[in-house]
Amino acid sequence: MPQALAAAVRTGVEAWQELQTVMRTLAEVNRTALWSAHPGTQHAV
């Protein structure tokens, strides 16, 4: 990889990892809210 691109690629990878973490957290919050809204029902995870 050209040296000039290395920092930009690293920044992009870090941003992607942060986005994945946020999306996992959001999915968990949504699952919790769904289960709270519909107690007693089974939802596939």
Foldseek 3Di string as FASTA:
>chain_A
DDPVCVVVVVVVVVVVVVVVVVVVVVVVVVVVVVCVVPPPDDDDD
